[in-house]
C-alpha atoms as a PDB file:
ATOM      1  CA  UNK A   1     135.665 112.768  -3.040  1.00  0.00           C
ATOM      2  CA  UNK A   2     136.573 109.111  -2.962  1.00  0.00           C
ATOM      3  CA  UNK A   3     136.841 106.704  -0.054  1.00  0.00           C
ATOM      4  CA  UNK A   4     140.646 106.886   0.037  1.00  0.00           C
ATOM      5  CA  UNK A   5     140.540 110.649   0.451  1.00  0.00           C
ATOM      6  CA  UNK A   6     137.896 110.419   3.176  1.00  0.00           C
ATOM      7  CA  UNK A   7     140.008 107.767   4.952  1.00  0.00           C
ATOM      8  CA  UNK A   8     143.090 109.996   4.795  1.00  0.00           C
ATOM      9  CA  UNK A   9     141.180 112.999   6.132  1.00  0.00           C
ATOM     10  CA  UNK A  10     139.675 110.957   8.967  1.00  0.00           C
ATOM     11  CA  UNK A  11     143.054 109.460   9.856  1.00  0.00           C
ATOM     12  CA  UNK A  12     145.117 112.659   9.658  1.00  0.00           C
ATOM     13  CA  UNK A  13     142.545 115.407  10.236  1.00  0.00           C
ATOM     14  CA  UNK A  14     142.726 118.927   8.858  1.00  0.00           C
ATOM     15  CA  UNK A  15     144.757 121.408  10.865  1.00  0.00           C
ATOM     16  CA  UNK A  16     143.109 124.633  11.962  1.00  0.00           C
ATOM     17  CA  UNK A  17     139.673 123.447  10.802  1.00  0.00           C
ATOM     18  CA  UNK A  18     138.169 121.603  13.750  1.00  0.00           C
ATOM     19  CA  UNK A  19     138.499 118.260  11.931  1.00  0.00           C
ATOM     20  CA  UNK A  20     140.386 116.006  14.363  1.00  0.00           C
ATOM     21  CA  UNK A  21     142.798 113.240  13.418  1.00  0.00           C
ATOM     22  CA  UNK A  22     141.400 109.845  14.397  1.00  0.00           C
ATOM     23  CA  UNK A  23     144.655 108.023  13.579  1.00  0.00           C
ATOM     24  CA  UNK A  24     146.185 108.346  17.050  1.00  0.00           C
ATOM     25  CA  UNK A  25     143.114 106.894  18.777  1.00  0.00           C
ATOM     26  CA  UNK A  26     141.550 104.530  16.220  1.00  0.00           C
ATOM     27  CA  UNK A  27     142.804 101.548  14.223  1.00  0.00           C
ATOM     28  CA  UNK A  28     142.770 101.589  10.427  1.00  0.00           C
ATOM     29  CA  UNK A  29     139.829  99.145  10.500  1.00  0.00           C
ATOM     30  CA  UNK A  30     137.863 101.549  12.697  1.00  0.00           C
ATOM     31  CA  UNK A  31     138.732 104.459  10.405  1.00  0.00           C
ATOM     32  CA  UNK A  32     137.552 102.446   7.390  1.00  0.00           C
ATOM     33  CA  UNK A  33     134.245 101.924   9.243  1.00  0.00           C
ATOM     34  CA  UNK A  34     134.007 105.686   9.775  1.00  0.00           C
ATOM     35  CA  UNK A  35     134.830 106.183   6.086  1.00  0.00           C
ATOM     36  CA  UNK A  36     132.098 103.753   5.002  1.00  0.00           C
ATOM     37  CA  UNK A  37     129.573 105.603   7.157  1.00  0.00           C
ATOM     38  CA  UNK A  38     130.585 109.013   5.785  1.00  0.00           C
ATOM     39  CA  UNK A  39     130.426 107.721   2.196  1.00  0.00           C
ATOM     40  CA  UNK A  40     126.931 106.372   2.830  1.00  0.00           C
ATOM     41  CA  UNK A  41     125.562 109.591   4.368  1.00  0.00           C
ATOM     42  CA  UNK A  42     124.520 111.387   1.143  1.00  0.00           C
ATOM     43  CA  UNK A  43     122.081 108.612   0.167  1.00  0.00           C
ATOM     44  CA  UNK A  44     120.875 107.750   3.655  1.00  0.00           C
ATOM     45  CA  UNK A  45     117.225 108.273   4.527  1.00  0.00           C
ATOM     46  CA  UNK A  46     116.134 109.945   7.756  1.00  0.00           C
ATOM     47  CA  UNK A  47     114.960 106.574   9.081  1.00  0.00           C
ATOM     48  CA  UNK A  48     118.300 104.922   8.298  1.00  0.00           C
ATOM     49  CA  UNK A  49     120.170 107.741  10.024  1.00  0.00           C
ATOM     50  CA  UNK A  50     117.849 107.556  13.033  1.00  0.00           C
ATOM     51  CA  UNK A  51     118.575 103.838  13.367  1.00  0.00           C
ATOM     52  CA  UNK A  52     122.289 104.658  13.667  1.00  0.00           C
ATOM     53  CA  UNK A  53     121.575 107.310  16.297  1.00  0.00           C
ATOM     54  CA  UNK A  54     119.666 104.819  18.437  1.00  0.00           C
ATOM     55  CA  UNK A  55     122.002 101.923  17.707  1.00  0.00           C
ATOM     56  CA  UNK A  56     119.181  99.818  16.304  1.00  0.00           C
ATOM     57  CA  UNK A  57     120.662  99.256  12.861  1.00  0.00           C
ATOM     58  CA  UNK A  58     121.000  95.619  11.850  1.00  0.00           C
ATOM     59  CA  UNK A  59     123.216  96.447   8.863  1.00  0.00           C
ATOM     60  CA  UNK A  60     126.664  96.911  10.366  1.00  0.00           C
ATOM     61  CA  UNK A  61     128.487  96.678   7.044  1.00  0.00           C
ATOM     62  CA  UNK A  62     130.580  93.654   7.967  1.00  0.00           C
END
């Protein structure tokens, strides 16, 4: 799945699946940040993920 598809799913959600729509509460820029994070997840190490959980990451992607 590509970034555009992930963006669309994050913005519009998936009815009856538990996947909420972030479009009503988040700007497109914020949704693109969510998309970038989701796209990065498959290759992320445990340490990288842990740094996001604690907010100690220095790589904010912008």
